[in-house]
Amino acid sequence: MSQYDEGHTVAGWTGFGIATVGVTGIGFGICAGNALAVWGGLGVGVISALATWALHLVGWSKPPGRRPVGQWGMRVKDLSAREGHPGCLGCRLAGRGRPAGLAVRANAESGTGEPVTESVG
C-alpha cells in the first residue's frame, strides 16, 4: 500500500458512493428530460459533500502526508481530527486548526498581508 493513500477512508468511500447515486440521478434526468431528477441528483451531491465533511470531522478520514504503517488501514480512526489538520479547509470551516485565544490580523507595516498573531483578551 502507498504511503500517500488519501481517499482510502470511510469518509472518502462513503462520499464517493453517495455522489455516484447523485450523478446517476443527474444522468437519468438529462436523458429522460426530467428536471426533477436533475435537481434531485444535485441535492444528493450536496448531501454527499456534507456527509463526507461530517465523517472527516469525527475522524473517519486521514490527514495528508506520511503516516506510520499502523495507520494505513481504511478503518483506522484519525485521533488528530478533533484539533484540526493544518492547512485543511474543512477543518477551518468547522473552526478547528487554530490555537484558542489568538487572532490573526494583516501586517500593516510591510503591506504584504502576512498574518501576525496576537493575544485576544
PDB file of N, CA and C in Angstrom:
ATOM      1  N   MET A   1       0.842  -1.179   0.000  1.00  0.00           N
ATOM      2  CA  MET A   1       0.000   0.000   0.000  1.00  0.00           C
ATOM      3  C   MET A   1       0.888   1.243   0.000  1.00  0.00           C
ATOM      4  N   SER A   2       0.464   2.296  -0.620  1.00  0.00           N
ATOM      5  CA  SER A   2       1.216   3.531  -0.735  1.00  0.00           C
ATOM      6  C   SER A   2       1.266   4.275   0.590  1.00  0.00           C
ATOM      7  N   GLN A   3       2.306   5.061   0.761  1.00  0.00           N
ATOM      8  CA  GLN A   3       2.391   5.906   1.946  1.00  0.00           C
ATOM      9  C   GLN A   3       1.472   7.113   1.817  1.00  0.00           C
ATOM     10  N   TYR A   4       1.032   7.404   0.631  1.00  0.00           N
ATOM     11  CA  TYR A   4       0.131   8.522   0.392  1.00  0.00           C
ATOM     12  C   TYR A   4      -1.203   7.966  -0.082  1.00  0.00           C
ATOM     13  N   ASP A   5      -1.974   7.448   0.833  1.00  0.00           N
ATOM     14  CA  ASP A   5      -3.214   6.767   0.457  1.00  0.00           C
ATOM     15  C   ASP A   5      -4.435   7.614   0.807  1.00  0.00           C
ATOM     16  N   GLU A   6      -4.406   8.905   0.451  1.00  0.00           N
ATOM     17  CA  GLU A   6      -5.562   9.750   0.693  1.00  0.00           C
ATOM     18  C   GLU A   6      -6.765   9.212  -0.074  1.00  0.00           C
ATOM     19  N   GLY A   7      -7.905   9.268   0.541  1.00  0.00           N
ATOM     20  CA  GLY A   7      -9.123   8.797  -0.099  1.00  0.00           C
ATOM     21  C   GLY A   7      -9.485   7.376   0.258  1.00  0.00           C
ATOM     22  N   HIS A   8      -8.535   6.587   0.739  1.00  0.00           N
ATOM     23  CA  HIS A   8      -8.823   5.211   1.138  1.00  0.00           C
ATOM     24  C   HIS A   8      -9.306   5.215   2.576  1.00  0.00           C
ATOM     25  N   THR A   9     -10.448   5.871   2.777  1.00  0.00           N
ATOM     26  CA  THR A   9     -11.002   6.037   4.116  1.00  0.00           C
ATOM     27  C   THR A   9     -12.496   5.782   4.086  1.00  0.00           C
ATOM     28  N   VAL A  10     -13.062   5.644   5.255  1.00  0.00           N
ATOM     29  CA  VAL A  10     -14.518   5.504   5.364  1.00  0.00           C
ATOM     30  C   VAL A  10     -15.195   6.760   4.823  1.00  0.00           C
ATOM     31  N   ALA A  11     -14.671   7.924   5.166  1.00  0.00           N
ATOM     32  CA  ALA A  11     -15.262   9.180   4.677  1.00  0.00           C
ATOM     33  C   ALA A  11     -15.178   9.268   3.155  1.00  0.00           C
ATOM     34  N   GLY A  12     -14.033   8.914   2.589  1.00  0.00           N
ATOM     35  CA  GLY A  12     -13.863   9.001   1.140  1.00  0.00           C
ATOM     36  C   GLY A  12     -14.783   8.070   0.373  1.00  0.00           C
ATOM     37  N   TRP A  13     -14.868   6.822   0.806  1.00  0.00           N
ATOM     38  CA  TRP A  13     -15.704   5.860   0.095  1.00  0.00           C
ATOM     39  C   TRP A  13     -17.193   6.126   0.306  1.00  0.00           C
ATOM     40  N   THR A  14     -17.563   6.598   1.480  1.00  0.00           N
ATOM     41  CA  THR A  14     -18.974   6.945   1.706  1.00  0.00           C
ATOM     42  C   THR A  14     -19.382   8.108   0.807  1.00  0.00           C
ATOM     43  N   GLY A  15     -18.534   9.136   0.758  1.00  0.00           N
ATOM     44  CA  GLY A  15     -18.818  10.274  -0.116  1.00  0.00           C
ATOM     45  C   GLY A  15     -18.886   9.870  -1.573  1.00  0.00           C
ATOM     46  N   PHE A  16     -17.979   9.000  -1.995  1.00  0.00           N
ATOM     47  CA  PHE A  16     -17.978   8.513  -3.374  1.00  0.00           C
ATOM     48  C   PHE A  16     -19.260   7.750  -3.689  1.00  0.00           C
ATOM     49  N   GLY A  17     -19.684   6.890  -2.783  1.00  0.00           N
ATOM     50  CA  GLY A  17     -20.898   6.102  -3.018  1.00  0.00           C
ATOM     51  C   GLY A  17     -22.139   6.970  -3.141  1.00  0.00           C
ATOM     52  N   ILE A  18     -22.269   7.941  -2.240  1.00  0.00           N
ATOM     53  CA  ILE A  18     -23.435   8.835  -2.293  1.00  0.00           C
ATOM     54  C   ILE A  18     -23.377   9.699  -3.549  1.00  0.00           C
ATOM     55  N   ALA A  19     -22.189  10.195  -3.892  1.00  0.00           N
ATOM     56  CA  ALA A  19     -22.044  11.028  -5.088  1.00  0.00           C
ATOM     57  C   ALA A  19     -22.362  10.241  -6.360  1.00  0.00           C
ATOM     58  N   THR A  20     -22.032   8.958  -6.378  1.00  0.00           N
ATOM     59  CA  THR A  20     -22.350   8.124  -7.539  1.00  0.00           C
ATOM     60  C   THR A  20     -23.855   8.031  -7.751  1.00  0.00           C
ATOM     61  N   VAL A  21     -24.595   7.906  -6.655  1.00  0.00           N
ATOM     62  CA  VAL A  21     -26.065   7.894  -6.758  1.00  0.00           C
ATOM     63  C   VAL A  21     -26.561   9.229  -7.309  1.00  0.00           C
ATOM     64  N   GLY A  22     -25.980  10.329  -6.829  1.00  0.00           N
ATOM     65  CA  GLY A  22     -26.386  11.653  -7.303  1.00  0.00           C
ATOM     66  C   GLY A  22     -26.096  11.864  -8.773  1.00  0.00           C
ATOM     67  N   VAL A  23     -24.923  11.465  -9.232  1.00  0.00           N
ATOM     68  CA  VAL A  23     -24.559  11.630 -10.639  1.00  0.00           C
ATOM     69  C   VAL A  23     -25.435  10.741 -11.523  1.00  0.00           C
ATOM     70  N   THR A  24     -25.768   9.560 -11.027  1.00  0.00           N
ATOM     71  CA  THR A  24     -26.675   8.687 -11.778  1.00  0.00           C
ATOM     72  C   THR A  24     -28.040   9.344 -11.938  1.00  0.00           C
ATOM     73  N   GLY A  25     -28.522   9.974 -10.874  1.00  0.00           N
ATOM     74  CA  GLY A  25     -29.800  10.696 -10.952  1.00  0.00           C
ATOM     75  C   GLY A  25     -29.749  11.848 -11.936  1.00  0.00           C
ATOM     76  N   ILE A  26     -28.637  12.577 -11.939  1.00  0.00           N
ATOM     77  CA  ILE A  26     -28.488  13.681 -12.886  1.00  0.00           C
ATOM     78  C   ILE A  26     -28.472  13.144 -14.320  1.00  0.00           C
ATOM     79  N   GLY A  27     -27.712  12.080 -14.550  1.00  0.00           N
ATOM     80  CA  GLY A  27     -27.652  11.497 -15.895  1.00  0.00           C
ATOM     81  C   GLY A  27     -29.004  10.990 -16.363  1.00  0.00           C
ATOM     82  N   PHE A  28     -29.731  10.321 -15.469  1.00  0.00           N
ATOM     83  CA  PHE A  28     -31.072   9.857 -15.820  1.00  0.00           C
ATOM     84  C   PHE A  28     -31.980  11.037 -16.148  1.00  0.00           C
ATOM     85  N   GLY A  29     -31.889  12.079 -15.339  1.00  0.00           N
ATOM     86  CA  GLY A  29     -32.731  13.251 -15.573  1.00  0.00           C
ATOM     87  C   GLY A  29     -32.456  13.922 -16.896  1.00  0.00           C
ATOM     88  N   ILE A  30     -31.189  13.984 -17.264  1.00  0.00           N
ATOM     89  CA  ILE A  30     -30.830  14.596 -18.549  1.00  0.00           C
ATOM     90  C   ILE A  30     -31.330  13.739 -19.704  1.00  0.00           C
ATOM     91  N   CYS A  31     -31.116  12.429 -19.609  1.00  0.00           N
ATOM     92  CA  CYS A  31     -31.549  11.538 -20.695  1.00  0.00           C
ATOM     93  C   CYS A  31     -33.066  11.488 -20.832  1.00  0.00           C
ATOM     94  N   ALA A  32     -33.775  11.511 -19.712  1.00  0.00           N
ATOM     95  CA  ALA A  32     -35.236  11.425 -19.743  1.00  0.00           C
ATOM     96  C   ALA A  32     -35.902  12.787 -19.890  1.00  0.00           C
ATOM     97  N   GLY A  33     -35.120  13.862 -19.818  1.00  0.00           N
ATOM     98  CA  GLY A  33     -35.708  15.198 -19.895  1.00  0.00           C
ATOM     99  C   GLY A  33     -36.507  15.538 -18.646  1.00  0.00           C
ATOM    100  N   ASN A  34     -36.111  15.008 -17.505  1.00  0.00           N
ATOM    101  CA  ASN A  34     -36.828  15.191 -16.246  1.00  0.00           C
ATOM    102  C   ASN A  34     -36.021  16.128 -15.346  1.00  0.00           C
ATOM    103  N   ALA A  35     -36.487  17.361 -15.226  1.00  0.00           N
ATOM    104  CA  ALA A  35     -35.775  18.361 -14.426  1.00  0.00           C
ATOM    105  C   ALA A  35     -35.773  17.994 -12.941  1.00  0.00           C
ATOM    106  N   LEU A  36     -36.821  17.326 -12.487  1.00  0.00           N
ATOM    107  CA  LEU A  36     -36.887  16.936 -11.077  1.00  0.00           C
ATOM    108  C   LEU A  36     -35.771  15.950 -10.729  1.00  0.00           C
ATOM    109  N   ALA A  37     -35.468  15.024 -11.619  1.00  0.00           N
ATOM    110  CA  ALA A  37     -34.383  14.070 -11.375  1.00  0.00           C
ATOM    111  C   ALA A  37     -33.022  14.767 -11.381  1.00  0.00           C
ATOM    112  N   VAL A  38     -32.859  15.757 -12.260  1.00  0.00           N
ATOM    113  CA  VAL A  38     -31.601  16.513 -12.283  1.00  0.00           C
ATOM    114  C   VAL A  38     -31.418  17.251 -10.965  1.00  0.00           C
ATOM    115  N   TRP A  39     -32.444  17.959 -10.505  1.00  0.00           N
ATOM    116  CA  TRP A  39     -32.350  18.699  -9.231  1.00  0.00           C
ATOM    117  C   TRP A  39     -32.204  17.742  -8.048  1.00  0.00           C
ATOM    118  N   GLY A  40     -32.855  16.608  -8.115  1.00  0.00           N
ATOM    119  CA  GLY A  40     -32.692  15.603  -7.062  1.00  0.00           C
ATOM    120  C   GLY A  40     -31.279  15.069  -6.999  1.00  0.00           C
ATOM    121  N   GLY A  41     -30.679  14.820  -8.162  1.00  0.00           N
ATOM    122  CA  GLY A  41     -29.290  14.376  -8.223  1.00  0.00           C
ATOM    123  C   GLY A  41     -28.330  15.420  -7.687  1.00  0.00           C
ATOM    124  N   LEU A  42     -28.604  16.681  -7.998  1.00  0.00           N
ATOM    125  CA  LEU A  42     -27.774  17.755  -7.445  1.00  0.00           C
ATOM    126  C   LEU A  42     -27.910  17.823  -5.926  1.00  0.00           C
ATOM    127  N   GLY A  43     -29.113  17.618  -5.427  1.00  0.00           N
ATOM    128  CA  GLY A  43     -29.330  17.595  -3.975  1.00  0.00           C
ATOM    129  C   GLY A  43     -28.582  16.455  -3.308  1.00  0.00           C
ATOM    130  N   VAL A  44     -28.578  15.301  -3.947  1.00  0.00           N
ATOM    131  CA  VAL A  44     -27.832  14.158  -3.415  1.00  0.00           C
ATOM    132  C   VAL A  44     -26.333  14.459  -3.431  1.00  0.00           C
ATOM    133  N   GLY A  45     -25.871  15.198  -4.434  1.00  0.00           N
ATOM    134  CA  GLY A  45     -24.463  15.605  -4.474  1.00  0.00           C
ATOM    135  C   GLY A  45     -24.093  16.498  -3.303  1.00  0.00           C
ATOM    136  N   VAL A  46     -24.976  17.407  -2.945  1.00  0.00           N
ATOM    137  CA  VAL A  46     -24.746  18.267  -1.774  1.00  0.00           C
ATOM    138  C   VAL A  46     -24.724  17.422  -0.501  1.00  0.00           C
ATOM    139  N   ILE A  47     -25.639  16.468  -0.411  1.00  0.00           N
ATOM    140  CA  ILE A  47     -25.664  15.566   0.756  1.00  0.00           C
ATOM    141  C   ILE A  47     -24.357  14.772   0.831  1.00  0.00           C
ATOM    142  N   SER A  48     -23.831  14.375  -0.320  1.00  0.00           N
ATOM    143  CA  SER A  48     -22.564  13.649  -0.358  1.00  0.00           C
ATOM    144  C   SER A  48     -21.434  14.487   0.225  1.00  0.00           C
ATOM    145  N   ALA A  49     -21.356  15.738  -0.170  1.00  0.00           N
ATOM    146  CA  ALA A  49     -20.300  16.619   0.347  1.00  0.00           C
ATOM    147  C   ALA A  49     -20.444  16.825   1.848  1.00  0.00           C
ATOM    148  N   LEU A  50     -21.667  17.031   2.314  1.00  0.00           N
ATOM    149  CA  LEU A  50     -21.891  17.242   3.747  1.00  0.00           C
ATOM    150  C   LEU A  50     -21.597  15.990   4.562  1.00  0.00           C
ATOM    151  N   ALA A  51     -21.953  14.827   4.041  1.00  0.00           N
ATOM    152  CA  ALA A  51     -21.675  13.574   4.750  1.00  0.00           C
ATOM    153  C   ALA A  51     -20.180  13.314   4.831  1.00  0.00           C
ATOM    154  N   THR A  52     -19.462  13.565   3.744  1.00  0.00           N
ATOM    155  CA  THR A  52     -18.015  13.376   3.743  1.00  0.00           C
ATOM    156  C   THR A  52     -17.350  14.330   4.726  1.00  0.00           C
ATOM    157  N   TRP A  53     -17.801  15.570   4.759  1.00  0.00           N
ATOM    158  CA  TRP A  53     -17.250  16.574   5.679  1.00  0.00           C
ATOM    159  C   TRP A  53     -17.511  16.171   7.126  1.00  0.00           C
ATOM    160  N   ALA A  54     -18.724  15.735   7.416  1.00  0.00           N
ATOM    161  CA  ALA A  54     -19.062  15.315   8.778  1.00  0.00           C
ATOM    162  C   ALA A  54     -18.208  14.115   9.207  1.00  0.00           C
ATOM    163  N   LEU A  55     -18.029  13.150   8.330  1.00  0.00           N
ATOM    164  CA  LEU A  55     -17.188  11.996   8.656  1.00  0.00           C
ATOM    165  C   LEU A  55     -15.729  12.409   8.824  1.00  0.00           C
ATOM    166  N   HIS A  56     -15.278  13.381   8.066  1.00  0.00           N
ATOM    167  CA  HIS A  56     -13.924  13.903   8.227  1.00  0.00           C
ATOM    168  C   HIS A  56     -13.748  14.529   9.610  1.00  0.00           C
ATOM    169  N   LEU A  57     -14.731  15.293  10.039  1.00  0.00           N
ATOM    170  CA  LEU A  57     -14.630  15.985  11.321  1.00  0.00           C
ATOM    171  C   LEU A  57     -14.663  15.048  12.516  1.00  0.00           C
ATOM    172  N   VAL A  58     -15.308  13.897  12.385  1.00  0.00           N
ATOM    173  CA  VAL A  58     -15.329  12.949  13.512  1.00  0.00           C
ATOM    174  C   VAL A  58     -14.175  11.959  13.445  1.00  0.00           C
ATOM    175  N   GLY A  59     -13.309  12.062  12.426  1.00  0.00           N
ATOM    176  CA  GLY A  59     -12.090  11.276  12.408  1.00  0.00           C
ATOM    177  C   GLY A  59     -12.053  10.096  11.465  1.00  0.00           C
ATOM    178  N   TRP A  60     -13.020   9.958  10.579  1.00  0.00           N
ATOM    179  CA  TRP A  60     -13.018   8.822   9.660  1.00  0.00           C
ATOM    180  C   TRP A  60     -12.352   9.157   8.332  1.00  0.00           C
ATOM    181  N   SER A  61     -11.404  10.070   8.359  1.00  0.00           N
ATOM    182  CA  SER A  61     -10.561  10.338   7.196  1.00  0.00           C
ATOM    183  C   SER A  61      -9.129  10.424   7.700  1.00  0.00           C
ATOM    184  N   LYS A  62      -8.204  10.752   6.832  1.00  0.00           N
ATOM    185  CA  LYS A  62      -6.806  10.816   7.226  1.00  0.00           C
ATOM    186  C   LYS A  62      -6.220  12.145   6.793  1.00  0.00           C
ATOM    187  N   PRO A  63      -5.276  12.681   7.561  1.00  0.00           N
ATOM    188  CA  PRO A  63      -4.603  13.893   7.117  1.00  0.00           C
ATOM    189  C   PRO A  63      -3.639  13.566   5.985  1.00  0.00           C
ATOM    190  N   PRO A  64      -3.281  14.549   5.157  1.00  0.00           N
ATOM    191  CA  PRO A  64      -2.326  14.281   4.087  1.00  0.00           C
ATOM    192  C   PRO A  64      -0.925  14.042   4.645  1.00  0.00           C
ATOM    193  N   GLY A  65      -0.094  13.396   3.857  1.00  0.00           N
ATOM    194  CA  GLY A  65       1.292  13.168   4.242  1.00  0.00           C
ATOM    195  C   GLY A  65       1.544  11.738   4.684  1.00  0.00           C
ATOM    196  N   ARG A  66       2.774  11.501   5.136  1.00  0.00           N
ATOM    197  CA  ARG A  66       3.182  10.158   5.543  1.00  0.00           C
ATOM    198  C   ARG A  66       2.605   9.814   6.908  1.00  0.00           C
ATOM    199  N   ARG A  67       2.237   8.546   7.040  1.00  0.00           N
ATOM    200  CA  ARG A  67       1.721   8.028   8.304  1.00  0.00           C
ATOM    201  C   ARG A  67       2.447   6.745   8.643  1.00  0.00           C
ATOM    202  N   PRO A  68       2.496   6.402   9.930  1.00  0.00           N
ATOM    203  CA  PRO A  68       3.076   5.105  10.295  1.00  0.00           C
ATOM    204  C   PRO A  68       2.257   3.965   9.678  1.00  0.00           C
ATOM    205  N   VAL A  69       2.894   2.823   9.498  1.00  0.00           N
ATOM    206  CA  VAL A  69       2.247   1.672   8.855  1.00  0.00           C
ATOM    207  C   VAL A  69       0.973   1.276   9.593  1.00  0.00           C
ATOM    208  N   GLY A  70       0.937   1.410  10.899  1.00  0.00           N
ATOM    209  CA  GLY A  70      -0.240   1.037  11.680  1.00  0.00           C
ATOM    210  C   GLY A  70      -1.466   1.891  11.392  1.00  0.00           C
ATOM    211  N   GLN A  71      -1.283   3.042  10.744  1.00  0.00           N
ATOM    212  CA  GLN A  71      -2.405   3.931  10.432  1.00  0.00           C
ATOM    213  C   GLN A  71      -2.815   3.872   8.966  1.00  0.00           C
ATOM    214  N   TRP A  72      -2.293   2.901   8.219  1.00  0.00           N
ATOM    215  CA  TRP A  72      -2.617   2.802   6.798  1.00  0.00           C
ATOM    216  C   TRP A  72      -3.969   2.168   6.537  1.00  0.00           C
ATOM    217  N   GLY A  73      -4.525   1.463   7.481  1.00  0.00           N
ATOM    218  CA  GLY A  73      -5.786   0.768   7.258  1.00  0.00           C
ATOM    219  C   GLY A  73      -6.953   1.719   7.063  1.00  0.00           C
ATOM    220  N   MET A  74      -7.920   1.274   6.275  1.00  0.00           N
ATOM    221  CA  MET A  74      -9.070   2.124   5.976  1.00  0.00           C
ATOM    222  C   MET A  74      -9.917   2.400   7.213  1.00  0.00           C
ATOM    223  N   ARG A  75     -10.004   1.457   8.109  1.00  0.00           N
ATOM    224  CA  ARG A  75     -10.893   1.614   9.261  1.00  0.00           C
ATOM    225  C   ARG A  75     -10.173   2.132  10.503  1.00  0.00           C
ATOM    226  N   VAL A  76      -9.007   2.732  10.325  1.00  0.00           N
ATOM    227  CA  VAL A  76      -8.274   3.316  11.440  1.00  0.00           C
ATOM    228  C   VAL A  76      -8.747   4.752  11.608  1.00  0.00           C
ATOM    229  N   LYS A  77      -9.250   5.078  12.777  1.00  0.00           N
ATOM    230  CA  LYS A  77      -9.783   6.411  13.036  1.00  0.00           C
ATOM    231  C   LYS A  77      -8.638   7.384  13.305  1.00  0.00           C
ATOM    232  N   ASP A  78      -8.750   8.578  12.759  1.00  0.00           N
ATOM    233  CA  ASP A  78      -7.746   9.620  12.930  1.00  0.00           C
ATOM    234  C   ASP A  78      -8.022  10.359  14.231  1.00  0.00           C
ATOM    235  N   LEU A  79      -7.144  10.196  15.197  1.00  0.00           N
ATOM    236  CA  LEU A  79      -7.348  10.810  16.504  1.00  0.00           C
ATOM    237  C   LEU A  79      -6.959  12.284  16.531  1.00  0.00           C
ATOM    238  N   SER A  80      -6.270  12.781  15.513  1.00  0.00           N
ATOM    239  CA  SER A  80      -5.878  14.195  15.480  1.00  0.00           C
ATOM    240  C   SER A  80      -6.951  15.084  14.854  1.00  0.00           C
ATOM    241  N   ALA A  81      -8.067  14.521  14.448  1.00  0.00           N
ATOM    242  CA  ALA A  81      -9.104  15.302  13.760  1.00  0.00           C
ATOM    243  C   ALA A  81      -9.777  16.306  14.685  1.00  0.00           C
ATOM    244  N   ARG A  82      -9.842  16.023  15.972  1.00  0.00           N
ATOM    245  CA  ARG A  82     -10.521  16.923  16.893  1.00  0.00           C
ATOM    246  C   ARG A  82      -9.828  18.282  16.971  1.00  0.00           C
ATOM    247  N   GLU A  83      -8.493  18.295  16.873  1.00  0.00           N
ATOM    248  CA  GLU A  83      -7.754  19.558  16.911  1.00  0.00           C
ATOM    249  C   GLU A  83      -7.745  20.261  15.559  1.00  0.00           C
ATOM    250  N   GLY A  84      -7.975  19.516  14.508  1.00  0.00           N
ATOM    251  CA  GLY A  84      -7.953  20.069  13.158  1.00  0.00           C
ATOM    252  C   GLY A  84      -6.631  19.798  12.482  1.00  0.00           C
ATOM    253  N   HIS A  85      -6.685  19.571  11.189  1.00  0.00           N
ATOM    254  CA  HIS A  85      -5.480  19.304  10.414  1.00  0.00           C
ATOM    255  C   HIS A  85      -4.917  20.629   9.899  1.00  0.00           C
ATOM    256  N   PRO A  86      -3.605  20.813   9.973  1.00  0.00           N
ATOM    257  CA  PRO A  86      -3.020  22.054   9.464  1.00  0.00           C
ATOM    258  C   PRO A  86      -3.255  22.192   7.956  1.00  0.00           C
ATOM    259  N   GLY A  87      -3.709  23.354   7.537  1.00  0.00           N
ATOM    260  CA  GLY A  87      -3.936  23.615   6.126  1.00  0.00           C
ATOM    261  C   GLY A  87      -5.187  22.983   5.552  1.00  0.00           C
ATOM    262  N   CYS A  88      -6.057  22.429   6.390  1.00  0.00           N
ATOM    263  CA  CYS A  88      -7.258  21.748   5.914  1.00  0.00           C
ATOM    264  C   CYS A  88      -8.436  22.732   5.871  1.00  0.00           C
ATOM    265  N   LEU A  89      -9.010  22.927   4.702  1.00  0.00           N
ATOM    266  CA  LEU A  89     -10.138  23.842   4.550  1.00  0.00           C
ATOM    267  C   LEU A  89     -11.355  23.355   5.323  1.00  0.00           C
ATOM    268  N   GLY A  90     -11.616  22.055   5.294  1.00  0.00           N
ATOM    269  CA  GLY A  90     -12.758  21.511   6.017  1.00  0.00           C
ATOM    270  C   GLY A  90     -12.658  21.751   7.512  1.00  0.00           C
ATOM    271  N   CYS A  91     -11.458  21.602   8.060  1.00  0.00           N
ATOM    272  CA  CYS A  91     -11.264  21.856   9.493  1.00  0.00           C
ATOM    273  C   CYS A  91     -11.406  23.343   9.804  1.00  0.00           C
ATOM    274  N   ARG A  92     -10.877  24.192   8.928  1.00  0.00           N
ATOM    275  CA  ARG A  92     -11.016  25.639   9.168  1.00  0.00           C
ATOM    276  C   ARG A  92     -12.466  26.080   9.091  1.00  0.00           C
ATOM    277  N   LEU A  93     -13.249  25.508   8.174  1.00  0.00           N
ATOM    278  CA  LEU A  93     -14.671  25.858   8.096  1.00  0.00           C
ATOM    279  C   LEU A  93     -15.421  25.455   9.360  1.00  0.00           C
ATOM    280  N   ALA A  94     -14.925  24.414  10.027  1.00  0.00           N
ATOM    281  CA  ALA A  94     -15.547  23.959  11.266  1.00  0.00           C
ATOM    282  C   ALA A  94     -14.989  24.686  12.486  1.00  0.00           C
ATOM    283  N   GLY A  95     -14.048  25.612  12.273  1.00  0.00           N
ATOM    284  CA  GLY A  95     -13.474  26.362  13.383  1.00  0.00           C
ATOM    285  C   GLY A  95     -12.357  25.625  14.091  1.00  0.00           C
ATOM    286  N   ARG A  96     -11.746  24.671  13.426  1.00  0.00           N
ATOM    287  CA  ARG A  96     -10.652  23.906  14.028  1.00  0.00           C
ATOM    288  C   ARG A  96      -9.338  24.284  13.368  1.00  0.00           C
ATOM    289  N   GLY A  97      -8.253  23.917  14.044  1.00  0.00           N
ATOM    290  CA  GLY A  97      -6.942  24.107  13.450  1.00  0.00           C
ATOM    291  C   GLY A  97      -6.267  25.404  13.810  1.00  0.00           C
ATOM    292  N   ARG A  98      -6.868  26.244  14.638  1.00  0.00           N
ATOM    293  CA  ARG A  98      -6.241  27.475  15.089  1.00  0.00           C
ATOM    294  C   ARG A  98      -6.125  27.435  16.606  1.00  0.00           C
ATOM    295  N   PRO A  99      -5.030  27.942  17.143  1.00  0.00           N
ATOM    296  CA  PRO A  99      -4.916  27.963  18.597  1.00  0.00           C
ATOM    297  C   PRO A  99      -5.972  28.866  19.218  1.00  0.00           C
ATOM    298  N   ALA A 100      -6.546  28.426  20.322  1.00  0.00           N
ATOM    299  CA  ALA A 100      -7.555  29.231  21.012  1.00  0.00           C
ATOM    300  C   ALA A 100      -6.911  30.460  21.626  1.00  0.00           C
ATOM    301  N   GLY A 101      -7.620  31.564  21.588  1.00  0.00           N
ATOM    302  CA  GLY A 101      -7.132  32.789  22.202  1.00  0.00           C
ATOM    303  C   GLY A 101      -6.209  33.606  21.331  1.00  0.00           C
ATOM    304  N   LEU A 102      -6.069  33.263  20.071  1.00  0.00           N
ATOM    305  CA  LEU A 102      -5.227  34.025  19.167  1.00  0.00           C
ATOM    306  C   LEU A 102      -6.053  34.569  18.027  1.00  0.00           C
ATOM    307  N   ALA A 103      -5.730  35.777  17.625  1.00  0.00           N
ATOM    308  CA  ALA A 103      -6.384  36.391  16.479  1.00  0.00           C
ATOM    309  C   ALA A 103      -5.333  36.618  15.406  1.00  0.00           C
ATOM    310  N   VAL A 104      -5.745  36.676  14.168  1.00  0.00           N
ATOM    311  CA  VAL A 104      -4.834  36.906  13.054  1.00  0.00           C
ATOM    312  C   VAL A 104      -5.249  38.201  12.388  1.00  0.00           C
ATOM    313  N   ARG A 105      -4.275  39.088  12.195  1.00  0.00           N
ATOM    314  CA  ARG A 105      -4.553  40.352  11.511  1.00  0.00           C
ATOM    315  C   ARG A 105      -3.498  40.563  10.441  1.00  0.00           C
ATOM    316  N   ALA A 106      -3.787  41.432   9.495  1.00  0.00           N
ATOM    317  CA  ALA A 106      -2.835  41.707   8.424  1.00  0.00           C
ATOM    318  C   ALA A 106      -1.695  42.568   8.959  1.00  0.00           C
ATOM    319  N   ASN A 107      -0.489  42.362   8.455  1.00  0.00           N
ATOM    320  CA  ASN A 107       0.674  43.130   8.854  1.00  0.00           C
ATOM    321  C   ASN A 107       0.666  44.446   8.094  1.00  0.00           C
ATOM    322  N   ALA A 108       0.317  45.533   8.785  1.00  0.00           N
ATOM    323  CA  ALA A 108       0.175  46.824   8.135  1.00  0.00           C
ATOM    324  C   ALA A 108       1.526  47.449   7.821  1.00  0.00           C
ATOM    325  N   GLU A 109       2.574  47.103   8.551  1.00  0.00           N
ATOM    326  CA  GLU A 109       3.882  47.711   8.335  1.00  0.00           C
ATOM    327  C   GLU A 109       4.485  47.298   7.004  1.00  0.00           C
ATOM    328  N   SER A 110       4.447  46.014   6.701  1.00  0.00           N
ATOM    329  CA  SER A 110       5.082  45.548   5.469  1.00  0.00           C
ATOM    330  C   SER A 110       4.154  45.656   4.268  1.00  0.00           C
ATOM    331  N   GLY A 111       2.855  45.721   4.511  1.00  0.00           N
ATOM    332  CA  GLY A 111       1.889  45.810   3.429  1.00  0.00           C
ATOM    333  C   GLY A 111       1.735  44.519   2.659  1.00  0.00           C
ATOM    334  N   THR A 112       2.324  43.434   3.149  1.00  0.00           N
ATOM    335  CA  THR A 112       2.265  42.176   2.426  1.00  0.00           C
ATOM    336  C   THR A 112       1.052  41.352   2.801  1.00  0.00           C
ATOM    337  N   GLY A 113       0.405  41.719   3.888  1.00  0.00           N
ATOM    338  CA  GLY A 113      -0.751  40.954   4.331  1.00  0.00           C
ATOM    339  C   GLY A 113      -0.372  39.668   5.015  1.00  0.00           C
ATOM    340  N   GLU A 114       0.883  39.532   5.417  1.00  0.00           N
ATOM    341  CA  GLU A 114       1.296  38.331   6.122  1.00  0.00           C
ATOM    342  C   GLU A 114       0.678  38.335   7.512  1.00  0.00           C
ATOM    343  N   PRO A 115       0.187  37.202   7.966  1.00  0.00           N
ATOM    344  CA  PRO A 115      -0.518  37.170   9.244  1.00  0.00           C
ATOM    345  C   PRO A 115       0.429  37.402  10.425  1.00  0.00           C
ATOM    346  N   VAL A 116      -0.083  38.122  11.392  1.00  0.00           N
ATOM    347  CA  VAL A 116       0.613  38.354  12.654  1.00  0.00           C
ATOM    348  C   VAL A 116      -0.339  37.925  13.747  1.00  0.00           C
ATOM    349  N   THR A 117       0.121  37.044  14.635  1.00  0.00           N
ATOM    350  CA  THR A 117      -0.749  36.579  15.701  1.00  0.00           C
ATOM    351  C   THR A 117      -0.544  37.427  16.945  1.00  0.00           C
ATOM    352  N   GLU A 118      -1.621  37.666  17.632  1.00  0.00           N
ATOM    353  CA  GLU A 118      -1.552  38.404  18.890  1.00  0.00           C
ATOM    354  C   GLU A 118      -2.620  37.851  19.817  1.00  0.00           C
ATOM    355  N   SER A 119      -2.398  38.019  21.087  1.00  0.00           N
ATOM    356  CA  SER A 119      -3.353  37.506  22.073  1.00  0.00           C
ATOM    357  C   SER A 119      -4.603  38.352  22.080  1.00  0.00           C
ATOM    358  N   VAL A 120      -5.730  37.695  22.264  1.00  0.00           N
ATOM    359  CA  VAL A 120      -7.006  38.363  22.388  1.00  0.00           C
ATOM    360  C   VAL A 120      -7.411  38.293  23.828  1.00  0.00           C
ATOM    361  N   GLY A 121      -7.837  39.368  24.371  1.00  0.00           N
ATOM    362  CA  GLY A 121      -8.198  39.237  25.772  1.00  0.00           C
ATOM    363  C   GLY A 121      -8.661  40.441  26.349  1.00  0.00           C
TER     364      GLY A 121
END
